[in-house]
Amino acid sequence: MAEEREDAAAEQTIREHNAPPVD
């Protein structure tokens, strides 16, 4: 359970960093 939450948080962070800039 804890690992899944950590993976989800890490994935969200990665998505935010890789998100293309929106003008």
N, C-alpha and C. Protein backbone atom coordinates (compact mmCIF):
# COMPACT_ATOMS: atom_id res chain seq x y z
N MET A 1 0.85 -1.20 0.00
CA MET A 1 0.00 0.00 0.00
C MET A 1 0.89 1.25 0.00
N ALA A 2 1.83 1.32 0.94
CA ALA A 2 2.68 2.50 1.03
C ALA A 2 3.50 2.66 -0.26
N GLU A 3 4.00 1.53 -0.77
CA GLU A 3 4.80 1.61 -1.99
C GLU A 3 3.97 2.15 -3.15
N GLU A 4 2.71 1.71 -3.22
CA GLU A 4 1.87 2.19 -4.32
C GLU A 4 1.68 3.70 -4.22
N ARG A 5 1.50 4.20 -3.00
CA ARG A 5 1.30 5.64 -2.82
C ARG A 5 2.57 6.38 -3.23
N GLU A 6 3.74 5.83 -2.88
CA GLU A 6 4.99 6.48 -3.25
C GLU A 6 5.15 6.50 -4.77
N ASP A 7 4.82 5.38 -5.41
CA ASP A 7 4.93 5.31 -6.87
C ASP A 7 4.01 6.33 -7.51
N ALA A 8 2.80 6.46 -6.99
CA ALA A 8 1.84 7.40 -7.56
C ALA A 8 2.37 8.82 -7.40
N ALA A 9 2.91 9.14 -6.25
CA ALA A 9 3.43 10.49 -6.01
C ALA A 9 4.62 10.77 -6.93
N ALA A 10 5.50 9.79 -7.07
CA ALA A 10 6.66 9.97 -7.94
C ALA A 10 6.21 10.14 -9.39
N GLU A 11 5.24 9.33 -9.81
CA GLU A 11 4.76 9.42 -11.19
C GLU A 11 4.15 10.79 -11.45
N GLN A 12 3.39 11.30 -10.49
CA GLN A 12 2.77 12.62 -10.66
C GLN A 12 3.86 13.69 -10.77
N THR A 13 4.89 13.59 -9.94
CA THR A 13 5.98 14.56 -9.99
C THR A 13 6.67 14.50 -11.35
N ILE A 14 6.94 13.30 -11.83
CA ILE A 14 7.59 13.14 -13.13
C ILE A 14 6.71 13.74 -14.23
N ARG A 15 5.42 13.48 -14.17
CA ARG A 15 4.51 14.03 -15.18
C ARG A 15 4.55 15.55 -15.15
N GLU A 16 4.59 16.13 -13.96
CA GLU A 16 4.62 17.59 -13.84
C GLU A 16 5.92 18.13 -14.44
N HIS A 17 7.04 17.44 -14.20
CA HIS A 17 8.32 17.91 -14.72
C HIS A 17 8.38 17.74 -16.24
N ASN A 18 7.75 16.69 -16.76
CA ASN A 18 7.80 16.42 -18.20
C ASN A 18 6.67 17.11 -18.94
N ALA A 19 5.77 17.76 -18.20
CA ALA A 19 4.62 18.40 -18.85
C ALA A 19 5.11 19.53 -19.75
N PRO A 20 4.60 19.61 -20.98
CA PRO A 20 4.99 20.68 -21.90
C PRO A 20 4.45 22.01 -21.41
N PRO A 21 5.20 23.09 -21.58
CA PRO A 21 4.74 24.41 -21.13
C PRO A 21 3.51 24.83 -21.91
N VAL A 22 2.55 25.41 -21.22
CA VAL A 22 1.31 25.83 -21.88
C VAL A 22 1.27 27.35 -21.92
N ASP A 23 1.19 27.89 -23.11
CA ASP A 23 1.11 29.36 -23.25
C ASP A 23 -0.33 29.79 -23.25
